[in-house]
């Protein structure tokens, strides 16, 4: 299963291949629905975890203001880009907001100049569901 490759080497945890109701693709026509997603199998990410994109990705994100409003964006991250989880996700979360290590570089690409100059503008972040983390990122050491 491709998504289980990243595990959490930062905490010395080994990724295990769990038993799931996911039959061989040759038997899929008669096997019924797949009842387990990659997100349910992975170890939840923690604050300060770092991830590297394993391929070029189309991403969505949020632009955060210091007022009760926000905006969004779509963009592309190249393969090999390092992303940082800089908060502790809630236990019920299904995804996270990541900050690129090269924040200023991507801020200029993802957030237009007018928005960046707005006194209420605070920051931006890139969204990644746990399934996307599992499929398109690898955990890396360092903080």
Foldseek 3Di string as FASTA:
>chain_A
DQLQVFACVQVPDHRDDDDFQDDDPVCVVPSDDGDDASLVRGDDDAAFWKKFFQAKDWWKKKWAFQDPDIDIWIDIDGGGWMWGQHHGDDPPAQWGWTATPPNVVVCPVTPPPVLVPPPRTDGMTIIDGSNRCSNTIHIDDDD
